Amino acid sequence: MIDKITITSIGMPKDMFKTRDVMGQKLTKPVLQAAVAVWHEKMLPEHFKAHAANRYHYRSRKASTKKKKARAAARGNSEARLPLVYSGRLKREVTRMVRVTGTAKKATANMSGPRYVHMYSKGGDRPFLAGELTATTAAERDELVKFVDAEMTRRMNEDDSKTVTRVG
């Protein structure tokens, strides 16, 4: 199981996250969950494109792995040339379904994937696939921050209850 991509309280005031805070429970939780869903829908598929190895700084694969992928591509599996793809099982499983959970402080995406995703040795010659899958660039993080800010502002403006007041 690939566990997890987590988006936490990006630039939000600390008092917003008190567990009894209506605003935190009512507004922040769904906004952070929406940000995780945006990451899964728009940013995760980028990890399986041709430019991903350089963009996300994937660890270089062994020569034998590169040869196996080239043979698989020559046999007709053209996706085997892409990073993180050999048979396509990993890509299918992680992009198929996500379970988004969250609190007023953070939201988490739980994805299922093959067992080999977590089979790595620290300092060994195997790459950390789970870390490569959940890596983000500075531009993606900025995009998520802008999304959270815009969505939070929109929801605060739409909220007609008297518990929410925008200060500043």
Protein backbone atom coordinates (compact mmCIF):
# COMPACT_ATOMS: atom_id res chain seq x y z
CA MET A 1 0.00 0.00 0.00
CA ILE A 2 1.34 3.37 -0.95
CA ASP A 3 0.98 5.45 2.08
CA LYS A 4 0.61 8.53 1.76
CA ILE A 5 0.63 11.93 0.24
CA THR A 6 -0.26 14.39 2.97
CA ILE A 7 -1.12 18.04 2.61
CA THR A 8 -0.98 19.95 5.85
CA SER A 9 -2.10 23.38 6.91
CA ILE A 10 -0.37 25.54 4.33
CA GLY A 11 0.02 29.06 5.68
CA MET A 12 -3.14 29.01 7.79
CA PRO A 13 -3.33 30.68 11.21
CA LYS A 14 -2.67 28.27 14.07
CA ASP A 15 -5.83 29.23 15.94
CA MET A 16 -7.85 27.99 12.97
CA PHE A 17 -6.92 24.41 13.76
CA LYS A 18 -8.25 24.00 17.26
CA THR A 19 -10.29 20.83 17.29
CA ARG A 20 -13.38 22.62 18.56
CA ASP A 21 -13.03 25.45 16.04
CA VAL A 22 -16.12 25.46 13.82
CA MET A 23 -14.28 27.24 11.03
CA GLY A 24 -11.49 24.70 11.03
CA GLN A 25 -13.86 21.77 11.00
CA LYS A 26 -16.33 23.28 8.56
CA LEU A 27 -14.03 24.93 6.03
CA THR A 28 -10.44 23.78 6.33
CA LYS A 29 -10.99 20.03 6.22
CA PRO A 30 -12.86 19.95 2.87
CA VAL A 31 -10.43 22.44 1.33
CA LEU A 32 -7.39 20.35 2.26
CA GLN A 33 -9.16 17.21 1.04
CA ALA A 34 -9.93 18.94 -2.26
CA ALA A 35 -6.24 19.86 -2.59
CA VAL A 36 -5.26 16.21 -2.16
CA ALA A 37 -7.82 15.22 -4.79
CA VAL A 38 -6.35 17.83 -7.18
CA TRP A 39 -2.88 16.39 -6.57
CA HIS A 40 -4.09 12.86 -7.34
CA GLU A 41 -6.02 13.89 -10.44
CA LYS A 42 -3.58 16.36 -12.02
CA MET A 43 -0.12 15.91 -10.54
CA LEU A 44 0.23 12.16 -9.95
CA PRO A 45 -0.18 11.26 -13.66
CA GLU A 46 2.80 13.54 -14.42
CA HIS A 47 5.03 11.02 -12.61
CA PHE A 48 4.49 8.53 -15.44
CA LYS A 49 5.42 10.84 -18.34
CA ALA A 50 8.70 10.87 -20.20
CA HIS A 51 10.06 14.03 -18.53
CA ALA A 52 9.32 12.82 -14.99
CA ALA A 53 12.72 11.28 -14.22
CA ASN A 54 14.47 14.64 -14.52
CA ARG A 55 11.62 16.70 -13.16
CA TYR A 56 11.21 14.71 -9.92
CA HIS A 57 14.87 13.61 -9.61
CA TYR A 58 14.29 9.88 -9.76
CA ARG A 59 17.20 7.72 -8.79
CA SER A 60 19.01 6.20 -11.76
CA ARG A 61 18.12 2.58 -12.49
CA LYS A 62 20.60 -0.24 -12.94
CA ALA A 63 21.79 -1.09 -16.44
CA SER A 64 20.05 -4.47 -16.21
CA THR A 65 16.73 -2.78 -15.41
CA LYS A 66 17.15 -0.41 -18.33
CA LYS A 67 17.81 -3.38 -20.64
CA LYS A 68 14.70 -5.21 -19.38
CA LYS A 69 12.58 -2.13 -19.97
CA ALA A 70 14.02 -1.71 -23.48
CA ARG A 71 13.23 -5.36 -24.29
CA ALA A 72 9.69 -4.98 -22.96
CA ALA A 73 9.23 -1.87 -25.11
CA ALA A 74 10.58 -3.73 -28.15
CA ARG A 75 8.05 -6.53 -27.55
CA GLY A 76 5.19 -4.08 -27.88
CA ASN A 77 4.75 -2.55 -24.44
CA SER A 78 5.58 1.02 -25.48
CA GLU A 79 4.82 2.33 -21.99
CA ALA A 80 7.85 0.43 -20.66
CA ARG A 81 10.02 3.31 -21.89
CA LEU A 82 8.36 5.64 -19.39
CA PRO A 83 9.73 6.13 -15.88
CA LEU A 84 8.13 4.07 -13.09
CA VAL A 85 6.51 1.80 -15.70
CA TYR A 86 7.53 -1.73 -16.64
CA SER A 87 4.32 -3.69 -17.02
CA GLY A 88 1.97 -0.81 -16.18
CA ARG A 89 0.66 -2.40 -12.99
CA LEU A 90 1.92 0.36 -10.67
CA LYS A 91 0.47 3.10 -12.87
CA ARG A 92 -2.90 1.34 -13.13
CA GLU A 93 -3.23 0.72 -9.42
CA VAL A 94 -2.21 4.11 -8.04
CA THR A 95 -4.14 6.20 -10.56
CA ARG A 96 -7.27 4.08 -10.36
CA MET A 97 -8.44 4.88 -6.87
CA VAL A 98 -7.57 7.06 -3.92
CA ARG A 99 -9.15 7.35 -0.51
CA VAL A 100 -8.92 10.89 0.79
CA THR A 101 -9.20 11.34 4.53
CA GLY A 102 -8.57 14.37 6.62
CA THR A 103 -8.98 16.56 9.61
CA ALA A 104 -8.97 20.31 10.03
CA LYS A 105 -5.17 20.16 10.18
CA LYS A 106 -4.27 17.80 7.33
CA ALA A 107 -5.62 15.70 4.51
CA THR A 108 -4.14 12.42 3.33
CA ALA A 109 -4.42 10.36 0.16
CA ASN A 110 -4.22 6.61 0.68
CA MET A 111 -3.50 4.69 -2.50
CA SER A 112 -3.09 0.99 -3.09
CA GLY A 113 -0.20 -0.32 -5.11
CA PRO A 114 1.94 -3.39 -5.60
CA ARG A 115 3.93 -4.71 -2.63
CA TYR A 116 7.25 -3.97 -4.30
CA VAL A 117 6.70 -0.24 -3.90
CA HIS A 118 7.97 -0.45 -0.33
CA MET A 119 10.63 -3.10 -0.92
CA TYR A 120 13.77 -1.02 -0.80
CA SER A 121 16.87 -0.84 1.28
CA LYS A 122 18.14 2.45 2.60
CA GLY A 123 21.50 3.03 1.02
CA GLY A 124 21.02 -0.01 -1.21
CA ASP A 125 20.66 -0.12 -4.94
CA ARG A 126 16.84 -0.11 -5.06
CA PRO A 127 15.02 3.19 -5.51
CA PHE A 128 12.37 4.32 -3.06
CA LEU A 129 9.33 4.12 -5.36
CA ALA A 130 6.84 5.46 -2.84
CA GLY A 131 8.97 8.56 -2.38
CA GLU A 132 9.34 8.99 -6.13
CA LEU A 133 5.58 8.70 -6.61
CA THR A 134 4.74 11.33 -4.02
CA ALA A 135 7.51 13.79 -4.89
CA THR A 136 6.40 17.30 -5.81
CA THR A 137 8.18 20.19 -7.44
CA ALA A 138 8.25 23.71 -6.06
CA ALA A 139 5.88 24.81 -8.83
CA GLU A 140 3.39 22.09 -7.90
CA ARG A 141 3.56 23.04 -4.23
CA ASP A 142 2.94 26.68 -5.17
CA GLU A 143 -0.02 25.62 -7.31
CA LEU A 144 -1.49 23.68 -4.38
CA VAL A 145 -0.98 26.65 -2.05
CA LYS A 146 -2.79 28.92 -4.52
CA PHE A 147 -5.58 26.37 -4.86
CA VAL A 148 -6.02 26.11 -1.08
CA ASP A 149 -5.99 29.90 -0.70
CA ALA A 150 -8.51 30.46 -3.51
CA GLU A 151 -10.79 27.65 -2.36
CA MET A 152 -10.67 28.80 1.26
CA THR A 153 -11.47 32.38 0.25
CA ARG A 154 -14.35 31.20 -1.94
CA ARG A 155 -15.82 29.05 0.81
CA MET A 156 -15.45 31.80 3.41
CA ASN A 157 -17.25 34.26 1.14
CA GLU A 158 -20.05 31.77 0.48
CA ASP A 159 -20.51 30.87 4.15
CA ASP A 160 -23.59 32.63 5.46
CA SER A 161 -23.21 31.59 9.08
CA LYS A 162 -22.12 34.13 11.65
CA THR A 163 -19.21 32.01 12.86
CA VAL A 164 -16.88 33.06 10.03
CA THR A 165 -15.42 36.53 9.74
CA ARG A 166 -12.63 37.49 7.38
CA VAL A 167 -10.16 39.77 9.15
CA GLY A 168 -7.55 41.78 7.29
